[in-house]
């Protein structure tokens, strides 16, 4: 079966809308701003409480205005969209100040989770709605090519009526200091991706059942280390379930690593599934460019070829250890992936 899958994002007509950036940490400096520049977007100002961080990000990404106060950035009448990349316990404070400038700020992109709890999330939504500001939450897994391709298959009825959907994650994250400050781990940091993916594919469920336990490796107090959950949909009887395992066995303690993320959607007429192959050192989740770790991808790619399925290949990378080399890092990943695919006959170079 040949299917022309719609998996690319819809780009805005005007890429030059001025963007103000709040935060200059990894997500902003090494992800958002890199993507903005590569796509032709227009970040014009940045604020971070660390003068070193904001100065470095501004210089690296050629941002002309680096503000030493949040109020200074928010008062800049040239800004139309605000990108907020701060820990969740700071988001409400930033949004509360931003909505006072609704005369020129017309859109806000906020990180997930949207605040520290449901009450804060509702408050943030309410503040933006009252101010007439469009609010978006950065649910980035929706823009993974494979996830969008599956959404296209579902919307066109290629798979028939969905029966069962599963996501299985075996990964060892690197928790940030603000994670410890919140006192929680996997549900709001990792599972939030998978829960939103199910909603993106199928809408809101009628019921959710969840079971959690602490991760033996994580040293700070928490309850949600390993998380299992089931979403029940009354219409059609669909069940969606995920296993989010950040322990993934004693891989850092000497056992062999078995790290991956996979999803699968079974319908009455077809099956879509996804394999996440991660190059790493065999112990810690890595998402390195192929060849930098110990994983032998060729046997996996040969098995994929033998399945003779149409599909989409997406590449997911962990942050580059040298942010200034991010373009070379990504280029190497695509180049090596193309080489291996050509070697087993999955595509031509």
C-alpha atoms as a PDB file:
ATOM      1  CA  UNK A   1       0.000   0.000   0.000  1.00  0.00           C
ATOM      2  CA  UNK A   2       1.349   3.429  -0.940  1.00  0.00           C
ATOM      3  CA  UNK A   3       0.252   6.265   1.351  1.00  0.00           C
ATOM      4  CA  UNK A   4       1.245   9.918   0.998  1.00  0.00           C
ATOM      5  CA  UNK A   5       1.412  10.746   4.687  1.00  0.00           C
ATOM      6  CA  UNK A   6       0.846  14.288   5.927  1.00  0.00           C
ATOM      7  CA  UNK A   7       3.407  14.679   8.673  1.00  0.00           C
ATOM      8  CA  UNK A   8       4.972  18.098   8.168  1.00  0.00           C
ATOM      9  CA  UNK A   9       3.852  21.007  10.385  1.00  0.00           C
ATOM     10  CA  UNK A  10       1.757  23.839   8.994  1.00  0.00           C
ATOM     11  CA  UNK A  11       3.954  26.935   8.938  1.00  0.00           C
ATOM     12  CA  UNK A  12       2.515  30.419   9.558  1.00  0.00           C
ATOM     13  CA  UNK A  13       2.141  32.824   6.631  1.00  0.00           C
ATOM     14  CA  UNK A  14       4.256  35.461   8.397  1.00  0.00           C
ATOM     15  CA  UNK A  15       7.525  34.198   9.881  1.00  0.00           C
ATOM     16  CA  UNK A  16       8.677  37.666  10.949  1.00  0.00           C
ATOM     17  CA  UNK A  17       6.313  38.157  13.917  1.00  0.00           C
ATOM     18  CA  UNK A  18       8.581  39.522  16.716  1.00  0.00           C
ATOM     19  CA  UNK A  19       9.160  36.996  19.521  1.00  0.00           C
ATOM     20  CA  UNK A  20      10.251  37.856  23.057  1.00  0.00           C
ATOM     21  CA  UNK A  21      11.987  35.045  24.958  1.00  0.00           C
ATOM     22  CA  UNK A  22      11.780  34.503  28.721  1.00  0.00           C
ATOM     23  CA  UNK A  23      14.503  32.143  29.939  1.00  0.00           C
ATOM     24  CA  UNK A  24      17.920  31.335  28.504  1.00  0.00           C
ATOM     25  CA  UNK A  25      18.430  27.772  29.730  1.00  0.00           C
ATOM     26  CA  UNK A  26      18.833  24.609  27.663  1.00  0.00           C
ATOM     27  CA  UNK A  27      15.297  24.517  26.244  1.00  0.00           C
ATOM     28  CA  UNK A  28      15.444  28.102  25.021  1.00  0.00           C
ATOM     29  CA  UNK A  29      19.097  28.433  24.062  1.00  0.00           C
ATOM     30  CA  UNK A  30      19.694  24.986  22.564  1.00  0.00           C
ATOM     31  CA  UNK A  31      16.248  24.066  21.252  1.00  0.00           C
ATOM     32  CA  UNK A  32      13.802  26.906  20.622  1.00  0.00           C
ATOM     33  CA  UNK A  33      16.221  29.568  19.420  1.00  0.00           C
ATOM     34  CA  UNK A  34      18.084  27.114  17.194  1.00  0.00           C
ATOM     35  CA  UNK A  35      14.773  26.040  15.652  1.00  0.00           C
ATOM     36  CA  UNK A  36      13.552  29.630  15.293  1.00  0.00           C
ATOM     37  CA  UNK A  37      16.637  30.678  13.373  1.00  0.00           C
ATOM     38  CA  UNK A  38      16.671  27.576  11.178  1.00  0.00           C
ATOM     39  CA  UNK A  39      12.980  28.043  10.310  1.00  0.00           C
ATOM     40  CA  UNK A  40      13.320  31.773   9.666  1.00  0.00           C
ATOM     41  CA  UNK A  41      11.358  32.991  12.715  1.00  0.00           C
ATOM     42  CA  UNK A  42      12.135  36.305  14.381  1.00  0.00           C
ATOM     43  CA  UNK A  43      13.268  36.303  18.050  1.00  0.00           C
ATOM     44  CA  UNK A  44      14.056  39.934  18.890  1.00  0.00           C
ATOM     45  CA  UNK A  45      14.535  40.073  22.673  1.00  0.00           C
ATOM     46  CA  UNK A  46      15.476  37.834  25.590  1.00  0.00           C
ATOM     47  CA  UNK A  47      15.416  37.963  29.397  1.00  0.00           C
ATOM     48  CA  UNK A  48      16.962  35.659  31.977  1.00  0.00           C
ATOM     49  CA  UNK A  49      17.873  36.499  35.591  1.00  0.00           C
ATOM     50  CA  UNK A  50      21.396  35.284  34.821  1.00  0.00           C
ATOM     51  CA  UNK A  51      23.262  38.026  32.968  1.00  0.00           C
ATOM     52  CA  UNK A  52      25.780  35.475  31.707  1.00  0.00           C
ATOM     53  CA  UNK A  53      23.096  33.152  30.331  1.00  0.00           C
ATOM     54  CA  UNK A  54      21.069  35.857  28.587  1.00  0.00           C
ATOM     55  CA  UNK A  55      24.187  37.520  27.198  1.00  0.00           C
ATOM     56  CA  UNK A  56      25.539  34.254  25.825  1.00  0.00           C
ATOM     57  CA  UNK A  57      22.189  33.312  24.249  1.00  0.00           C
ATOM     58  CA  UNK A  58      21.741  36.779  22.750  1.00  0.00           C
ATOM     59  CA  UNK A  59      25.207  36.755  21.208  1.00  0.00           C
ATOM     60  CA  UNK A  60      24.945  33.200  19.932  1.00  0.00           C
ATOM     61  CA  UNK A  61      21.543  33.685  18.308  1.00  0.00           C
ATOM     62  CA  UNK A  62      22.057  37.291  17.191  1.00  0.00           C
ATOM     63  CA  UNK A  63      19.318  38.765  19.394  1.00  0.00           C
ATOM     64  CA  UNK A  64      19.776  42.520  19.599  1.00  0.00           C
ATOM     65  CA  UNK A  65      18.000  43.151  22.917  1.00  0.00           C
ATOM     66  CA  UNK A  66      18.923  41.338  26.141  1.00  0.00           C
ATOM     67  CA  UNK A  67      16.889  42.743  29.045  1.00  0.00           C
ATOM     68  CA  UNK A  68      18.053  42.726  32.654  1.00  0.00           C
ATOM     69  CA  UNK A  69      14.466  42.613  33.961  1.00  0.00           C
ATOM     70  CA  UNK A  70      11.303  40.751  33.027  1.00  0.00           C
ATOM     71  CA  UNK A  71       9.298  43.965  33.144  1.00  0.00           C
ATOM     72  CA  UNK A  72      11.691  45.570  30.673  1.00  0.00           C
ATOM     73  CA  UNK A  73      11.105  42.814  28.128  1.00  0.00           C
ATOM     74  CA  UNK A  74       7.350  42.735  28.657  1.00  0.00           C
ATOM     75  CA  UNK A  75       7.122  46.492  28.154  1.00  0.00           C
ATOM     76  CA  UNK A  76       8.815  46.265  24.738  1.00  0.00           C
ATOM     77  CA  UNK A  77       5.940  47.218  22.414  1.00  0.00           C
ATOM     78  CA  UNK A  78       7.646  45.588  19.458  1.00  0.00           C
ATOM     79  CA  UNK A  79       7.025  42.095  20.878  1.00  0.00           C
ATOM     80  CA  UNK A  80       3.927  40.247  19.659  1.00  0.00           C
ATOM     81  CA  UNK A  81       4.580  36.672  20.853  1.00  0.00           C
ATOM     82  CA  UNK A  82       6.079  35.635  24.184  1.00  0.00           C
ATOM     83  CA  UNK A  83       7.949  32.335  24.523  1.00  0.00           C
ATOM     84  CA  UNK A  84       8.132  31.358  28.215  1.00  0.00           C
ATOM     85  CA  UNK A  85      10.689  28.648  29.011  1.00  0.00           C
ATOM     86  CA  UNK A  86      10.977  28.629  32.805  1.00  0.00           C
ATOM     87  CA  UNK A  87      10.359  25.976  35.494  1.00  0.00           C
ATOM     88  CA  UNK A  88       6.636  25.345  36.171  1.00  0.00           C
ATOM     89  CA  UNK A  89       6.640  26.990  39.592  1.00  0.00           C
ATOM     90  CA  UNK A  90       7.576  30.304  37.921  1.00  0.00           C
ATOM     91  CA  UNK A  91       5.202  30.192  34.934  1.00  0.00           C
ATOM     92  CA  UNK A  92       2.147  31.661  36.686  1.00  0.00           C
ATOM     93  CA  UNK A  93       4.167  34.639  37.930  1.00  0.00           C
ATOM     94  CA  UNK A  94       5.453  35.386  34.415  1.00  0.00           C
ATOM     95  CA  UNK A  95       2.038  35.025  32.787  1.00  0.00           C
ATOM     96  CA  UNK A  96       0.417  37.202  35.467  1.00  0.00           C
ATOM     97  CA  UNK A  97       2.777  40.015  34.508  1.00  0.00           C
ATOM     98  CA  UNK A  98       2.575  39.356  30.759  1.00  0.00           C
ATOM     99  CA  UNK A  99      -1.201  39.740  30.510  1.00  0.00           C
ATOM    100  CA  UNK A 100      -0.857  43.361  31.690  1.00  0.00           C
ATOM    101  CA  UNK A 101       0.739  44.034  28.300  1.00  0.00           C
ATOM    102  CA  UNK A 102      -2.034  42.541  26.176  1.00  0.00           C
ATOM    103  CA  UNK A 103      -2.044  45.685  24.054  1.00  0.00           C
ATOM    104  CA  UNK A 104       0.957  44.385  22.123  1.00  0.00           C
ATOM    105  CA  UNK A 105       1.523  40.798  23.361  1.00  0.00           C
ATOM    106  CA  UNK A 106      -1.018  38.730  21.413  1.00  0.00           C
ATOM    107  CA  UNK A 107       0.309  35.195  21.866  1.00  0.00           C
ATOM    108  CA  UNK A 108       2.087  33.150  24.555  1.00  0.00           C
ATOM    109  CA  UNK A 109       3.881  29.831  24.186  1.00  0.00           C
ATOM    110  CA  UNK A 110       4.384  28.215  27.606  1.00  0.00           C
ATOM    111  CA  UNK A 111       6.241  25.086  28.608  1.00  0.00           C
ATOM    112  CA  UNK A 112       4.611  22.004  30.023  1.00  0.00           C
ATOM    113  CA  UNK A 113       3.588  21.319  32.692  1.00  0.00           C
ATOM    114  CA  UNK A 114       1.517  24.498  32.766  1.00  0.00           C
ATOM    115  CA  UNK A 115       2.166  25.370  36.411  1.00  0.00           C
ATOM    116  CA  UNK A 116       2.644  23.079  39.384  1.00  0.00           C
ATOM    117  CA  UNK A 117      -0.919  21.757  39.592  1.00  0.00           C
ATOM    118  CA  UNK A 118      -4.326  21.855  37.917  1.00  0.00           C
ATOM    119  CA  UNK A 119      -5.401  24.970  39.821  1.00  0.00           C
ATOM    120  CA  UNK A 120      -2.415  26.929  38.508  1.00  0.00           C
ATOM    121  CA  UNK A 121      -2.950  25.654  34.978  1.00  0.00           C
ATOM    122  CA  UNK A 122      -6.580  26.780  35.041  1.00  0.00           C
ATOM    123  CA  UNK A 123      -5.530  30.148  36.426  1.00  0.00           C
ATOM    124  CA  UNK A 124      -3.021  30.636  33.589  1.00  0.00           C
ATOM    125  CA  UNK A 125      -5.619  29.693  30.975  1.00  0.00           C
ATOM    126  CA  UNK A 126      -8.124  32.061  32.573  1.00  0.00           C
ATOM    127  CA  UNK A 127      -5.686  34.981  32.674  1.00  0.00           C
ATOM    128  CA  UNK A 128      -4.883  34.620  28.972  1.00  0.00           C
ATOM    129  CA  UNK A 129      -8.515  34.196  28.007  1.00  0.00           C
ATOM    130  CA  UNK A 130      -9.553  37.313  29.943  1.00  0.00           C
ATOM    131  CA  UNK A 131      -6.748  39.305  28.297  1.00  0.00           C
ATOM    132  CA  UNK A 132      -7.600  38.077  24.803  1.00  0.00           C
ATOM    133  CA  UNK A 133      -4.163  36.473  24.412  1.00  0.00           C
ATOM    134  CA  UNK A 134      -3.807  33.211  22.502  1.00  0.00           C
ATOM    135  CA  UNK A 135      -2.114  30.634  24.749  1.00  0.00           C
ATOM    136  CA  UNK A 136      -0.342  27.509  23.476  1.00  0.00           C
ATOM    137  CA  UNK A 137       1.402  24.828  25.528  1.00  0.00           C
ATOM    138  CA  UNK A 138       4.588  23.366  24.079  1.00  0.00           C
ATOM    139  CA  UNK A 139       3.387  19.788  23.617  1.00  0.00           C
ATOM    140  CA  UNK A 140       6.221  19.005  21.243  1.00  0.00           C
ATOM    141  CA  UNK A 141       5.602  15.260  20.811  1.00  0.00           C
ATOM    142  CA  UNK A 142       2.610  16.222  18.642  1.00  0.00           C
ATOM    143  CA  UNK A 143       5.148  17.459  16.102  1.00  0.00           C
ATOM    144  CA  UNK A 144       7.198  14.259  15.957  1.00  0.00           C
ATOM    145  CA  UNK A 145       6.933  13.110  12.347  1.00  0.00           C
ATOM    146  CA  UNK A 146       5.827   9.603  13.252  1.00  0.00           C
ATOM    147  CA  UNK A 147       3.119  10.863  15.634  1.00  0.00           C
ATOM    148  CA  UNK A 148       1.761  13.245  12.991  1.00  0.00           C
ATOM    149  CA  UNK A 149       1.842  10.481  10.396  1.00  0.00           C
ATOM    150  CA  UNK A 150      -0.213   8.245  12.683  1.00  0.00           C
ATOM    151  CA  UNK A 151      -2.701  11.071  13.253  1.00  0.00           C
ATOM    152  CA  UNK A 152      -3.060  11.361   9.473  1.00  0.00           C
ATOM    153  CA  UNK A 153      -3.694   7.617   9.122  1.00  0.00           C
ATOM    154  CA  UNK A 154      -6.358   7.786  11.848  1.00  0.00           C
ATOM    155  CA  UNK A 155      -8.088  10.863  10.444  1.00  0.00           C
ATOM    156  CA  UNK A 156      -8.296   9.271   6.973  1.00  0.00           C
ATOM    157  CA  UNK A 157      -9.669   5.996   8.350  1.00  0.00           C
ATOM    158  CA  UNK A 158      -6.779   3.947   6.952  1.00  0.00           C
ATOM    159  CA  UNK A 159      -6.505   1.947  10.183  1.00  0.00           C
ATOM    160  CA  UNK A 160     -10.256   1.544  10.600  1.00  0.00           C
ATOM    161  CA  UNK A 161     -11.751   1.877  14.081  1.00  0.00           C
ATOM    162  CA  UNK A 162      -8.954   2.156  16.672  1.00  0.00           C
ATOM    163  CA  UNK A 163      -8.975  -0.769  19.110  1.00  0.00           C
ATOM    164  CA  UNK A 164      -5.785  -0.530  21.197  1.00  0.00           C
ATOM    165  CA  UNK A 165      -2.975   2.009  21.441  1.00  0.00           C
ATOM    166  CA  UNK A 166       0.181   1.582  23.516  1.00  0.00           C
ATOM    167  CA  UNK A 167       3.320   3.560  24.274  1.00  0.00           C
ATOM    168  CA  UNK A 168       6.256   1.895  26.001  1.00  0.00           C
ATOM    169  CA  UNK A 169       9.193   3.943  27.283  1.00  0.00           C
ATOM    170  CA  UNK A 170      12.387   2.592  28.803  1.00  0.00           C
ATOM    171  CA  UNK A 171      14.670   5.549  29.482  1.00  0.00           C
ATOM    172  CA  UNK A 172      16.918   7.034  32.149  1.00  0.00           C
ATOM    173  CA  UNK A 173      16.325  10.802  32.224  1.00  0.00           C
ATOM    174  CA  UNK A 174      18.647  13.390  33.676  1.00  0.00           C
ATOM    175  CA  UNK A 175      16.546  15.197  36.283  1.00  0.00           C
ATOM    176  CA  UNK A 176      17.067  18.939  36.648  1.00  0.00           C
ATOM    177  CA  UNK A 177      17.378  20.780  39.989  1.00  0.00           C
ATOM    178  CA  UNK A 178      13.888  22.216  39.610  1.00  0.00           C
ATOM    179  CA  UNK A 179      12.473  18.675  39.361  1.00  0.00           C
ATOM    180  CA  UNK A 180      13.724  18.000  42.881  1.00  0.00           C
ATOM    181  CA  UNK A 181      12.232  21.301  44.020  1.00  0.00           C
ATOM    182  CA  UNK A 182       8.795  20.166  42.834  1.00  0.00           C
ATOM    183  CA  UNK A 183       9.036  16.726  44.430  1.00  0.00           C
ATOM    184  CA  UNK A 184       7.795  14.862  41.380  1.00  0.00           C
ATOM    185  CA  UNK A 185       9.287  13.119  38.361  1.00  0.00           C
ATOM    186  CA  UNK A 186       7.827  11.074  35.562  1.00  0.00           C
ATOM    187  CA  UNK A 187       4.136  11.982  35.343  1.00  0.00           C
ATOM    188  CA  UNK A 188       4.635  15.686  34.642  1.00  0.00           C
ATOM    189  CA  UNK A 189       7.956  15.385  32.805  1.00  0.00           C
ATOM    190  CA  UNK A 190       7.810  12.210  30.676  1.00  0.00           C
ATOM    191  CA  UNK A 191       4.243  10.861  30.816  1.00  0.00           C
ATOM    192  CA  UNK A 192       2.892  14.280  29.889  1.00  0.00           C
ATOM    193  CA  UNK A 193       4.204  13.666  26.351  1.00  0.00           C
ATOM    194  CA  UNK A 194       2.448  10.338  26.019  1.00  0.00           C
ATOM    195  CA  UNK A 195      -0.824  11.440  27.602  1.00  0.00           C
ATOM    196  CA  UNK A 196      -0.991  14.359  25.177  1.00  0.00           C
ATOM    197  CA  UNK A 197      -0.158  12.103  22.240  1.00  0.00           C
ATOM    198  CA  UNK A 198      -3.134   9.897  23.098  1.00  0.00           C
ATOM    199  CA  UNK A 199      -5.313  13.026  23.282  1.00  0.00           C
ATOM    200  CA  UNK A 200      -3.895  14.243  19.942  1.00  0.00           C
ATOM    201  CA  UNK A 201      -4.798  10.930  18.325  1.00  0.00           C
ATOM    202  CA  UNK A 202      -8.110  10.137  20.012  1.00  0.00           C
ATOM    203  CA  UNK A 203      -9.364  13.123  22.041  1.00  0.00           C
ATOM    204  CA  UNK A 204     -10.104  13.178  25.750  1.00  0.00           C
ATOM    205  CA  UNK A 205     -10.792   9.808  27.425  1.00  0.00           C
ATOM    206  CA  UNK A 206     -13.800   9.038  29.582  1.00  0.00           C
ATOM    207  CA  UNK A 207     -11.707   7.508  32.393  1.00  0.00           C
ATOM    208  CA  UNK A 208      -8.064   7.223  33.409  1.00  0.00           C
ATOM    209  CA  UNK A 209      -6.533   4.630  35.735  1.00  0.00           C
ATOM    210  CA  UNK A 210      -2.959   5.104  36.942  1.00  0.00           C
ATOM    211  CA  UNK A 211      -0.474   3.298  39.154  1.00  0.00           C
ATOM    212  CA  UNK A 212       2.863   4.754  40.267  1.00  0.00           C
ATOM    213  CA  UNK A 213       5.841   3.783  42.379  1.00  0.00           C
ATOM    214  CA  UNK A 214       9.167   5.508  43.207  1.00  0.00           C
ATOM    215  CA  UNK A 215      12.216   5.012  41.003  1.00  0.00           C
ATOM    216  CA  UNK A 216      14.955   3.206  42.992  1.00  0.00           C
ATOM    217  CA  UNK A 217      17.689   5.287  41.361  1.00  0.00           C
ATOM    218  CA  UNK A 218      16.268   8.792  41.921  1.00  0.00           C
ATOM    219  CA  UNK A 219      17.515  10.107  45.255  1.00  0.00           C
ATOM    220  CA  UNK A 220      15.137  12.968  45.983  1.00  0.00           C
ATOM    221  CA  UNK A 221      11.691  12.349  47.484  1.00  0.00           C
ATOM    222  CA  UNK A 222       8.999  11.506  44.924  1.00  0.00           C
ATOM    223  CA  UNK A 223       6.209   9.002  44.276  1.00  0.00           C
ATOM    224  CA  UNK A 224       5.934   8.920  40.471  1.00  0.00           C
ATOM    225  CA  UNK A 225       9.123   7.279  39.236  1.00  0.00           C
ATOM    226  CA  UNK A 226       7.640   4.331  37.327  1.00  0.00           C
ATOM    227  CA  UNK A 227       4.181   5.107  35.936  1.00  0.00           C
ATOM    228  CA  UNK A 228       1.557   2.855  34.336  1.00  0.00           C
ATOM    229  CA  UNK A 229      -1.789   4.156  33.117  1.00  0.00           C
ATOM    230  CA  UNK A 230      -4.822   3.209  31.027  1.00  0.00           C
ATOM    231  CA  UNK A 231      -7.144   5.613  29.185  1.00  0.00           C
ATOM    232  CA  UNK A 232     -10.661   4.294  28.517  1.00  0.00           C
ATOM    233  CA  UNK A 233     -12.830   5.603  25.694  1.00  0.00           C
ATOM    234  CA  UNK A 234     -16.500   4.637  25.718  1.00  0.00           C
ATOM    235  CA  UNK A 235     -16.982   5.351  22.013  1.00  0.00           C
ATOM    236  CA  UNK A 236     -15.797   2.239  20.181  1.00  0.00           C
ATOM    237  CA  UNK A 237     -14.323   0.726  23.341  1.00  0.00           C
ATOM    238  CA  UNK A 238     -10.796   1.987  22.606  1.00  0.00           C
ATOM    239  CA  UNK A 239      -8.150   1.435  25.273  1.00  0.00           C
ATOM    240  CA  UNK A 240      -4.865   3.374  25.330  1.00  0.00           C
ATOM    241  CA  UNK A 241      -2.091   2.488  27.760  1.00  0.00           C
ATOM    242  CA  UNK A 242       1.504   3.471  28.494  1.00  0.00           C
ATOM    243  CA  UNK A 243       4.371   2.119  30.564  1.00  0.00           C
ATOM    244  CA  UNK A 244       6.793   4.902  31.502  1.00  0.00           C
ATOM    245  CA  UNK A 245       9.799   3.226  33.091  1.00  0.00           C
ATOM    246  CA  UNK A 246      12.705   5.468  34.137  1.00  0.00           C
ATOM    247  CA  UNK A 247      14.376   2.655  36.081  1.00  0.00           C
ATOM    248  CA  UNK A 248      14.708   0.345  33.043  1.00  0.00           C
ATOM    249  CA  UNK A 249      16.663  -2.163  35.078  1.00  0.00           C
ATOM    250  CA  UNK A 250      20.025  -1.645  36.783  1.00  0.00           C
ATOM    251  CA  UNK A 251      21.620  -0.315  33.574  1.00  0.00           C
ATOM    252  CA  UNK A 252      23.724   2.248  35.423  1.00  0.00           C
ATOM    253  CA  UNK A 253      24.654  -0.325  38.033  1.00  0.00           C
ATOM    254  CA  UNK A 254      26.273  -2.821  35.657  1.00  0.00           C
ATOM    255  CA  UNK A 255      23.471  -4.571  33.737  1.00  0.00           C
ATOM    256  CA  UNK A 256      23.132  -4.280  29.975  1.00  0.00           C
ATOM    257  CA  UNK A 257      21.050  -1.349  28.818  1.00  0.00           C
ATOM    258  CA  UNK A 258      17.708  -1.886  27.076  1.00  0.00           C
ATOM    259  CA  UNK A 259      16.607   1.662  26.294  1.00  0.00           C
ATOM    260  CA  UNK A 260      13.880   2.579  23.804  1.00  0.00           C
ATOM    261  CA  UNK A 261      10.535   4.247  23.192  1.00  0.00           C
ATOM    262  CA  UNK A 262       7.894   2.511  21.069  1.00  0.00           C
ATOM    263  CA  UNK A 263       4.296   3.214  20.188  1.00  0.00           C
ATOM    264  CA  UNK A 264       1.681   1.073  18.472  1.00  0.00           C
ATOM    265  CA  UNK A 265      -1.895   1.680  17.273  1.00  0.00           C
ATOM    266  CA  UNK A 266      -4.069  -1.284  16.305  1.00  0.00           C
ATOM    267  CA  UNK A 267      -7.210  -0.713  14.259  1.00  0.00           C
ATOM    268  CA  UNK A 268      -9.870  -2.914  12.720  1.00  0.00           C
ATOM    269  CA  UNK A 269      -8.301  -2.483   9.267  1.00  0.00           C
ATOM    270  CA  UNK A 270      -4.635  -1.828   9.920  1.00  0.00           C
ATOM    271  CA  UNK A 271      -1.737  -1.445  12.321  1.00  0.00           C
ATOM    272  CA  UNK A 272       0.688   1.450  12.789  1.00  0.00           C
ATOM    273  CA  UNK A 273       3.716   1.120  15.004  1.00  0.00           C
ATOM    274  CA  UNK A 274       6.911   2.951  15.798  1.00  0.00           C
ATOM    275  CA  UNK A 275      10.320   1.855  16.985  1.00  0.00           C
ATOM    276  CA  UNK A 276      12.659   4.265  18.735  1.00  0.00           C
ATOM    277  CA  UNK A 277      16.280   3.183  18.277  1.00  0.00           C
ATOM    278  CA  UNK A 278      18.642   5.135  20.509  1.00  0.00           C
ATOM    279  CA  UNK A 279      22.396   5.153  20.165  1.00  0.00           C
ATOM    280  CA  UNK A 280      24.017   5.464  23.559  1.00  0.00           C
ATOM    281  CA  UNK A 281      26.763   3.961  25.698  1.00  0.00           C
ATOM    282  CA  UNK A 282      24.573   0.944  26.508  1.00  0.00           C
ATOM    283  CA  UNK A 283      23.862   2.177  30.023  1.00  0.00           C
ATOM    284  CA  UNK A 284      22.307   5.637  29.835  1.00  0.00           C
ATOM    285  CA  UNK A 285      19.640   6.978  27.494  1.00  0.00           C
ATOM    286  CA  UNK A 286      21.597   8.919  24.900  1.00  0.00           C
ATOM    287  CA  UNK A 287      19.894   9.753  21.567  1.00  0.00           C
ATOM    288  CA  UNK A 288      23.343  10.258  20.057  1.00  0.00           C
ATOM    289  CA  UNK A 289      24.049  10.578  16.327  1.00  0.00           C
ATOM    290  CA  UNK A 290      24.360   7.005  14.978  1.00  0.00           C
ATOM    291  CA  UNK A 291      27.884   5.687  15.379  1.00  0.00           C
ATOM    292  CA  UNK A 292      28.782   7.673  18.481  1.00  0.00           C
ATOM    293  CA  UNK A 293      27.463   4.962  20.793  1.00  0.00           C
ATOM    294  CA  UNK A 294      27.536   1.162  20.906  1.00  0.00           C
ATOM    295  CA  UNK A 295      24.245   0.272  19.189  1.00  0.00           C
ATOM    296  CA  UNK A 296      24.374  -1.775  15.966  1.00  0.00           C
ATOM    297  CA  UNK A 297      21.531  -0.369  13.873  1.00  0.00           C
ATOM    298  CA  UNK A 298      22.022  -2.418  10.711  1.00  0.00           C
ATOM    299  CA  UNK A 299      20.192  -5.600  11.905  1.00  0.00           C
ATOM    300  CA  UNK A 300      17.261  -3.469  13.060  1.00  0.00           C
ATOM    301  CA  UNK A 301      17.071  -1.655   9.726  1.00  0.00           C
ATOM    302  CA  UNK A 302      17.194  -4.969   7.841  1.00  0.00           C
ATOM    303  CA  UNK A 303      14.231  -6.208   9.854  1.00  0.00           C
ATOM    304  CA  UNK A 304      12.367  -2.999   9.056  1.00  0.00           C
ATOM    305  CA  UNK A 305      13.027  -3.528   5.372  1.00  0.00           C
ATOM    306  CA  UNK A 306      11.744  -7.104   5.587  1.00  0.00           C
ATOM    307  CA  UNK A 307       8.397  -5.829   6.907  1.00  0.00           C
ATOM    308  CA  UNK A 308       7.840  -3.987   3.579  1.00  0.00           C
ATOM    309  CA  UNK A 309       5.775  -1.276   5.241  1.00  0.00           C
ATOM    310  CA  UNK A 310       5.403   2.327   4.089  1.00  0.00           C
ATOM    311  CA  UNK A 311       6.485   4.715   6.784  1.00  0.00           C
ATOM    312  CA  UNK A 312       8.237   7.803   8.032  1.00  0.00           C
ATOM    313  CA  UNK A 313      11.665   7.937   9.641  1.00  0.00           C
ATOM    314  CA  UNK A 314      12.225  10.653  12.227  1.00  0.00           C
ATOM    315  CA  UNK A 315      15.439  11.395  14.103  1.00  0.00           C
ATOM    316  CA  UNK A 316      15.456  12.375  17.772  1.00  0.00           C
ATOM    317  CA  UNK A 317      18.624  13.752  19.326  1.00  0.00           C
ATOM    318  CA  UNK A 318      19.646  14.512  22.874  1.00  0.00           C
ATOM    319  CA  UNK A 319      21.182  17.918  23.531  1.00  0.00           C
ATOM    320  CA  UNK A 320      24.580  18.530  21.991  1.00  0.00           C
ATOM    321  CA  UNK A 321      27.374  18.637  24.620  1.00  0.00           C
ATOM    322  CA  UNK A 322      28.792  21.629  22.715  1.00  0.00           C
ATOM    323  CA  UNK A 323      25.779  23.836  21.880  1.00  0.00           C
ATOM    324  CA  UNK A 324      27.761  25.857  19.347  1.00  0.00           C
ATOM    325  CA  UNK A 325      28.145  22.614  17.343  1.00  0.00           C
ATOM    326  CA  UNK A 326      24.421  21.804  17.204  1.00  0.00           C
ATOM    327  CA  UNK A 327      24.176  22.176  13.405  1.00  0.00           C
ATOM    328  CA  UNK A 328      27.082  19.784  12.848  1.00  0.00           C
ATOM    329  CA  UNK A 329      25.556  17.399  15.444  1.00  0.00           C
ATOM    330  CA  UNK A 330      22.222  17.269  13.606  1.00  0.00           C
ATOM    331  CA  UNK A 331      23.882  17.075  10.186  1.00  0.00           C
ATOM    332  CA  UNK A 332      25.948  14.093  11.318  1.00  0.00           C
ATOM    333  CA  UNK A 333      22.828  12.315  12.602  1.00  0.00           C
ATOM    334  CA  UNK A 334      20.979  12.735   9.294  1.00  0.00           C
ATOM    335  CA  UNK A 335      24.034  11.862   7.220  1.00  0.00           C
ATOM    336  CA  UNK A 336      24.773   8.653   9.140  1.00  0.00           C
ATOM    337  CA  UNK A 337      21.119   7.615   9.160  1.00  0.00           C
ATOM    338  CA  UNK A 338      20.890   8.102   5.379  1.00  0.00           C
ATOM    339  CA  UNK A 339      24.080   6.102   4.897  1.00  0.00           C
ATOM    340  CA  UNK A 340      22.803   3.142   6.920  1.00  0.00           C
ATOM    341  CA  UNK A 341      19.411   3.197   5.201  1.00  0.00           C
ATOM    342  CA  UNK A 342      21.126   3.162   1.819  1.00  0.00           C
ATOM    343  CA  UNK A 343      23.367   0.292   2.947  1.00  0.00           C
ATOM    344  CA  UNK A 344      20.391  -1.978   3.646  1.00  0.00           C
ATOM    345  CA  UNK A 345      18.370  -0.769   0.653  1.00  0.00           C
ATOM    346  CA  UNK A 346      15.747   1.284   2.471  1.00  0.00           C
ATOM    347  CA  UNK A 347      16.503   4.398   0.428  1.00  0.00           C
ATOM    348  CA  UNK A 348      19.015   5.914  -1.965  1.00  0.00           C
ATOM    349  CA  UNK A 349      21.463   8.581  -0.793  1.00  0.00           C
END
